[in-house]
Amino acid sequence: MLTLAGLGGAALSEGIRFLYGQAEEVLRRRREARASASSGNSSSPLSLSAAESTSPDHALGERFEGDIHALMVELEPYRAGSGARLLADPGDRQLVDTAEALRRILSVVLGTPLTPGRESAQTVDVQLDVEQVAGYVAGVRGRAPKEVDLKVVLKAGTVGEGGQVLGVDFGTGG
């Protein structure tokens, strides 16, 4: 039986494997760009995958290449294909910070936020604390975005008769 802690560890491990793979691609493309430049070929290497049109910024790739290598060394025991792959511990702050550092660098180099499985997702974090509601309160209201990581924390003290509190309202009504 998989515990909640194990589930968190499995999700973190998967995220680390995703980031590691993206880092390998960035470094591979950096090598290809360097080889093309030294051979006089001005054509750009192919994109990361057929599904993505993201192309790394080669100057930023060069600038952060050492950092990417160092972070990959720390995350290597969690990558796909390694012998006795470790399960990541979400409570290990150093591990989480290392993975987050790699994610941020890759996001800068690739020019897009990286979220495993949804590379183009935007993050929206809403926190709302109201003491008294006499009418209508929504943490987020509007049309549903196509790709977004949404976190809404809404705390309401007293909700009067007829009052309405919604964390997210993607309804079509006024």
C-alpha atoms as a PDB file:
ATOM      1  CA  MET A   1       0.000   0.000   0.000  1.00  0.00           C
ATOM      2  CA  LEU A   2       1.326   3.439  -0.977  1.00  0.00           C
ATOM      3  CA  THR A   3       1.215   5.993   1.824  1.00  0.00           C
ATOM      4  CA  LEU A   4       0.636   9.710   1.362  1.00  0.00           C
ATOM      5  CA  ALA A   5       4.312  10.319   2.144  1.00  0.00           C
ATOM      6  CA  GLY A   6       5.241   7.674  -0.435  1.00  0.00           C
ATOM      7  CA  LEU A   7       2.943   9.301  -2.967  1.00  0.00           C
ATOM      8  CA  GLY A   8       4.630  12.649  -2.332  1.00  0.00           C
ATOM      9  CA  GLY A   9       8.009  10.972  -2.721  1.00  0.00           C
ATOM     10  CA  ALA A  10       6.941   9.313  -5.964  1.00  0.00           C
ATOM     11  CA  ALA A  11       5.665  12.619  -7.361  1.00  0.00           C
ATOM     12  CA  LEU A  12       8.869  14.437  -6.355  1.00  0.00           C
ATOM     13  CA  SER A  13      10.962  11.637  -7.851  1.00  0.00           C
ATOM     14  CA  GLU A  14       9.028  11.899 -11.116  1.00  0.00           C
ATOM     15  CA  GLY A  15       9.495  15.680 -11.126  1.00  0.00           C
ATOM     16  CA  ILE A  16      13.230  15.275 -10.571  1.00  0.00           C
ATOM     17  CA  ARG A  17      13.464  12.741 -13.417  1.00  0.00           C
ATOM     18  CA  PHE A  18      11.595  15.175 -15.677  1.00  0.00           C
ATOM     19  CA  LEU A  19      13.958  18.042 -14.785  1.00  0.00           C
ATOM     20  CA  TYR A  20      17.008  15.814 -15.182  1.00  0.00           C
ATOM     21  CA  GLY A  21      15.850  14.819 -18.664  1.00  0.00           C
ATOM     22  CA  GLN A  22      15.241  18.453 -19.624  1.00  0.00           C
ATOM     23  CA  ALA A  23      18.711  19.371 -18.324  1.00  0.00           C
ATOM     24  CA  GLU A  24      20.259  16.569 -20.409  1.00  0.00           C
ATOM     25  CA  GLU A  25      18.486  17.947 -23.493  1.00  0.00           C
ATOM     26  CA  VAL A  26      19.647  21.514 -22.820  1.00  0.00           C
ATOM     27  CA  LEU A  27      23.250  20.342 -22.405  1.00  0.00           C
ATOM     28  CA  ARG A  28      23.023  18.119 -25.495  1.00  0.00           C
ATOM     29  CA  ARG A  29      21.735  21.035 -27.548  1.00  0.00           C
ATOM     30  CA  ARG A  30      24.456  23.255 -26.091  1.00  0.00           C
ATOM     31  CA  ARG A  31      27.077  20.737 -27.297  1.00  0.00           C
ATOM     32  CA  GLU A  32      25.421  20.606 -30.733  1.00  0.00           C
ATOM     33  CA  ALA A  33      25.346  24.405 -30.990  1.00  0.00           C
ATOM     34  CA  ARG A  34      29.018  24.574 -29.983  1.00  0.00           C
ATOM     35  CA  ALA A  35      29.908  21.898 -32.562  1.00  0.00           C
ATOM     36  CA  SER A  36      27.896  23.706 -35.269  1.00  0.00           C
ATOM     37  CA  ALA A  37      29.614  26.991 -34.483  1.00  0.00           C
ATOM     38  CA  SER A  38      33.093  25.447 -34.583  1.00  0.00           C
ATOM     39  CA  SER A  39      32.370  23.729 -37.909  1.00  0.00           C
ATOM     40  CA  GLY A  40      30.998  26.927 -39.437  1.00  0.00           C
ATOM     41  CA  ASN A  41      27.458  25.562 -39.710  1.00  0.00           C
ATOM     42  CA  SER A  42      25.011  28.337 -38.762  1.00  0.00           C
ATOM     43  CA  SER A  43      21.888  26.153 -38.659  1.00  0.00           C
ATOM     44  CA  SER A  44      20.169  25.803 -35.308  1.00  0.00           C
ATOM     45  CA  PRO A  45      19.722  22.357 -33.708  1.00  0.00           C
ATOM     46  CA  LEU A  46      16.268  20.772 -33.656  1.00  0.00           C
ATOM     47  CA  SER A  47      13.812  21.646 -30.881  1.00  0.00           C
ATOM     48  CA  LEU A  48      13.624  19.619 -27.652  1.00  0.00           C
ATOM     49  CA  SER A  49      10.811  17.433 -28.923  1.00  0.00           C
ATOM     50  CA  ALA A  50       8.212  17.371 -31.655  1.00  0.00           C
ATOM     51  CA  ALA A  51       5.586  18.479 -29.122  1.00  0.00           C
ATOM     52  CA  GLU A  52       7.568  21.544 -28.003  1.00  0.00           C
ATOM     53  CA  SER A  53       8.707  24.553 -29.979  1.00  0.00           C
ATOM     54  CA  THR A  54      10.910  25.703 -27.092  1.00  0.00           C
ATOM     55  CA  SER A  55      14.480  26.426 -28.046  1.00  0.00           C
ATOM     56  CA  PRO A  56      17.076  27.153 -25.385  1.00  0.00           C
ATOM     57  CA  ASP A  57      18.857  30.495 -25.315  1.00  0.00           C
ATOM     58  CA  HIS A  58      22.407  29.380 -26.136  1.00  0.00           C
ATOM     59  CA  ALA A  59      24.055  32.316 -24.340  1.00  0.00           C
ATOM     60  CA  LEU A  60      22.103  31.526 -21.162  1.00  0.00           C
ATOM     61  CA  GLY A  61      22.829  27.826 -21.646  1.00  0.00           C
ATOM     62  CA  GLU A  62      26.526  28.631 -21.736  1.00  0.00           C
ATOM     63  CA  ARG A  63      26.269  30.924 -18.712  1.00  0.00           C
ATOM     64  CA  PHE A  64      24.468  28.324 -16.568  1.00  0.00           C
ATOM     65  CA  GLU A  65      26.132  25.192 -17.957  1.00  0.00           C
ATOM     66  CA  GLY A  66      28.319  24.682 -14.859  1.00  0.00           C
ATOM     67  CA  ASP A  67      25.366  25.197 -12.509  1.00  0.00           C
ATOM     68  CA  ILE A  68      23.237  22.741 -14.477  1.00  0.00           C
ATOM     69  CA  HIS A  69      26.020  20.123 -14.327  1.00  0.00           C
ATOM     70  CA  ALA A  70      26.483  20.614 -10.557  1.00  0.00           C
ATOM     71  CA  LEU A  71      22.761  20.313  -9.843  1.00  0.00           C
ATOM     72  CA  MET A  72      22.493  17.226 -12.059  1.00  0.00           C
ATOM     73  CA  VAL A  73      25.276  15.556 -10.063  1.00  0.00           C
ATOM     74  CA  GLU A  74      23.261  16.097  -6.872  1.00  0.00           C
ATOM     75  CA  LEU A  75      20.042  14.791  -8.466  1.00  0.00           C
ATOM     76  CA  GLU A  76      21.614  11.859 -10.355  1.00  0.00           C
ATOM     77  CA  PRO A  77      20.557   9.157  -7.833  1.00  0.00           C
ATOM     78  CA  TYR A  78      16.887   9.993  -8.609  1.00  0.00           C
ATOM     79  CA  ARG A  79      17.078  10.010 -12.417  1.00  0.00           C
ATOM     80  CA  ALA A  80      15.504   7.418 -14.669  1.00  0.00           C
ATOM     81  CA  GLY A  81      17.792   4.626 -15.712  1.00  0.00           C
ATOM     82  CA  SER A  82      20.152   4.706 -12.756  1.00  0.00           C
ATOM     83  CA  GLY A  83      20.708   1.405 -10.941  1.00  0.00           C
ATOM     84  CA  ALA A  84      19.047   1.481  -7.518  1.00  0.00           C
ATOM     85  CA  ARG A  85      16.985   4.617  -8.055  1.00  0.00           C
ATOM     86  CA  LEU A  86      16.145   6.420  -4.813  1.00  0.00           C
ATOM     87  CA  LEU A  87      12.671   7.599  -3.823  1.00  0.00           C
ATOM     88  CA  ALA A  88      12.823  11.340  -3.163  1.00  0.00           C
ATOM     89  CA  ASP A  89      11.803  12.543   0.294  1.00  0.00           C
ATOM     90  CA  PRO A  90       9.616  15.691   0.086  1.00  0.00           C
ATOM     91  CA  GLY A  91      10.763  16.525   3.640  1.00  0.00           C
ATOM     92  CA  ASP A  92      14.394  16.786   2.502  1.00  0.00           C
ATOM     93  CA  ARG A  93      14.681  20.576   2.115  1.00  0.00           C
ATOM     94  CA  GLN A  94      18.099  20.403   0.481  1.00  0.00           C
ATOM     95  CA  LEU A  95      16.824  17.973  -2.167  1.00  0.00           C
ATOM     96  CA  VAL A  96      13.701  20.048  -2.830  1.00  0.00           C
ATOM     97  CA  ASP A  97      15.787  23.251  -3.022  1.00  0.00           C
ATOM     98  CA  THR A  98      18.225  21.574  -5.435  1.00  0.00           C
ATOM     99  CA  ALA A  99      15.391  20.423  -7.715  1.00  0.00           C
ATOM    100  CA  GLU A 100      13.797  23.880  -7.528  1.00  0.00           C
ATOM    101  CA  ALA A 101      17.111  25.544  -8.419  1.00  0.00           C
ATOM    102  CA  LEU A 102      17.416  23.314 -11.499  1.00  0.00           C
ATOM    103  CA  ARG A 103      13.802  24.034 -12.466  1.00  0.00           C
ATOM    104  CA  ARG A 104      14.381  27.787 -12.219  1.00  0.00           C
ATOM    105  CA  ILE A 105      17.583  27.720 -14.260  1.00  0.00           C
ATOM    106  CA  LEU A 106      15.963  25.578 -16.954  1.00  0.00           C
ATOM    107  CA  SER A 107      12.948  27.910 -17.041  1.00  0.00           C
ATOM    108  CA  VAL A 108      15.298  30.848 -17.685  1.00  0.00           C
ATOM    109  CA  VAL A 109      17.355  29.013 -20.317  1.00  0.00           C
ATOM    110  CA  LEU A 110      14.260  27.690 -22.105  1.00  0.00           C
ATOM    111  CA  GLY A 111      12.284  30.910 -21.675  1.00  0.00           C
ATOM    112  CA  THR A 112       9.211  29.124 -20.327  1.00  0.00           C
ATOM    113  CA  PRO A 113       8.035  27.966 -16.900  1.00  0.00           C
ATOM    114  CA  LEU A 114       8.687  24.255 -16.401  1.00  0.00           C
ATOM    115  CA  THR A 115       6.043  22.139 -14.735  1.00  0.00           C
ATOM    116  CA  PRO A 116       6.316  18.354 -15.244  1.00  0.00           C
ATOM    117  CA  GLY A 117       3.781  17.273 -17.854  1.00  0.00           C
ATOM    118  CA  ARG A 118       2.640  20.838 -18.566  1.00  0.00           C
ATOM    119  CA  GLU A 119       5.650  22.859 -19.622  1.00  0.00           C
ATOM    120  CA  SER A 120       3.649  25.975 -20.495  1.00  0.00           C
ATOM    121  CA  ALA A 121       1.543  26.158 -17.334  1.00  0.00           C
ATOM    122  CA  GLN A 122       1.283  29.455 -15.467  1.00  0.00           C
ATOM    123  CA  THR A 123       1.055  29.516 -11.668  1.00  0.00           C
ATOM    124  CA  VAL A 124      -1.620  31.475  -9.806  1.00  0.00           C
ATOM    125  CA  ASP A 125      -1.543  31.504  -6.005  1.00  0.00           C
ATOM    126  CA  VAL A 126      -4.424  33.318  -4.273  1.00  0.00           C
ATOM    127  CA  GLN A 127      -4.829  33.790  -0.534  1.00  0.00           C
ATOM    128  CA  LEU A 128      -7.849  35.658   0.761  1.00  0.00           C
ATOM    129  CA  ASP A 129      -8.953  36.130   4.368  1.00  0.00           C
ATOM    130  CA  VAL A 130     -12.267  37.924   5.020  1.00  0.00           C
ATOM    131  CA  GLU A 131     -13.908  38.487   8.387  1.00  0.00           C
ATOM    132  CA  GLN A 132     -17.515  38.922   7.324  1.00  0.00           C
ATOM    133  CA  VAL A 133     -19.388  38.186   4.087  1.00  0.00           C
ATOM    134  CA  ALA A 134     -22.772  39.758   3.430  1.00  0.00           C
ATOM    135  CA  GLY A 135     -22.824  39.203  -0.340  1.00  0.00           C
ATOM    136  CA  TYR A 136     -20.504  37.370  -2.709  1.00  0.00           C
ATOM    137  CA  VAL A 137     -16.782  36.599  -2.402  1.00  0.00           C
ATOM    138  CA  ALA A 138     -14.627  34.596  -4.820  1.00  0.00           C
ATOM    139  CA  GLY A 139     -10.900  33.995  -4.622  1.00  0.00           C
ATOM    140  CA  VAL A 140     -10.745  33.692  -8.433  1.00  0.00           C
ATOM    141  CA  ARG A 141     -13.556  34.568 -10.843  1.00  0.00           C
ATOM    142  CA  GLY A 142     -13.586  34.570 -14.621  1.00  0.00           C
ATOM    143  CA  ARG A 143     -13.163  32.234 -17.534  1.00  0.00           C
ATOM    144  CA  ALA A 144     -11.206  29.042 -16.952  1.00  0.00           C
ATOM    145  CA  PRO A 145      -7.663  29.397 -18.312  1.00  0.00           C
ATOM    146  CA  LYS A 146      -6.399  26.641 -20.614  1.00  0.00           C
ATOM    147  CA  GLU A 147      -3.294  25.753 -18.623  1.00  0.00           C
ATOM    148  CA  VAL A 148      -2.767  27.010 -15.108  1.00  0.00           C
ATOM    149  CA  ASP A 149      -1.606  25.684 -11.776  1.00  0.00           C
ATOM    150  CA  LEU A 150      -4.148  27.236  -9.445  1.00  0.00           C
ATOM    151  CA  LYS A 151      -3.967  27.325  -5.662  1.00  0.00           C
ATOM    152  CA  VAL A 152      -6.683  29.177  -3.786  1.00  0.00           C
ATOM    153  CA  VAL A 153      -6.844  29.511  -0.015  1.00  0.00           C
ATOM    154  CA  LEU A 154      -9.968  31.352   1.101  1.00  0.00           C
ATOM    155  CA  LYS A 155     -10.834  31.882   4.753  1.00  0.00           C
ATOM    156  CA  ALA A 156     -14.130  33.459   5.744  1.00  0.00           C
ATOM    157  CA  GLY A 157     -15.157  34.258   9.310  1.00  0.00           C
ATOM    158  CA  THR A 158     -18.909  34.906   9.298  1.00  0.00           C
ATOM    159  CA  VAL A 159     -21.069  34.383   6.222  1.00  0.00           C
ATOM    160  CA  GLY A 160     -24.388  36.170   6.545  1.00  0.00           C
ATOM    161  CA  GLU A 161     -27.728  34.896   5.295  1.00  0.00           C
ATOM    162  CA  GLY A 162     -27.680  34.880   1.514  1.00  0.00           C
ATOM    163  CA  GLY A 163     -23.908  35.266   1.488  1.00  0.00           C
ATOM    164  CA  GLN A 164     -21.835  33.207  -0.891  1.00  0.00           C
ATOM    165  CA  VAL A 165     -18.159  32.256  -0.660  1.00  0.00           C
ATOM    166  CA  LEU A 166     -16.419  30.487  -3.540  1.00  0.00           C
ATOM    167  CA  GLY A 167     -12.742  29.682  -3.864  1.00  0.00           C
ATOM    168  CA  VAL A 168     -12.994  29.513  -7.673  1.00  0.00           C
ATOM    169  CA  ASP A 169     -15.883  30.680  -9.866  1.00  0.00           C
ATOM    170  CA  PHE A 170     -15.462  29.788 -13.531  1.00  0.00           C
ATOM    171  CA  GLY A 171     -19.223  29.995 -14.078  1.00  0.00           C
ATOM    172  CA  THR A 172     -20.763  31.849 -16.992  1.00  0.00           C
ATOM    173  CA  GLY A 173     -23.203  33.830 -14.862  1.00  0.00           C
ATOM    174  CA  GLY A 174     -22.846  37.529 -13.964  1.00  0.00           C
END
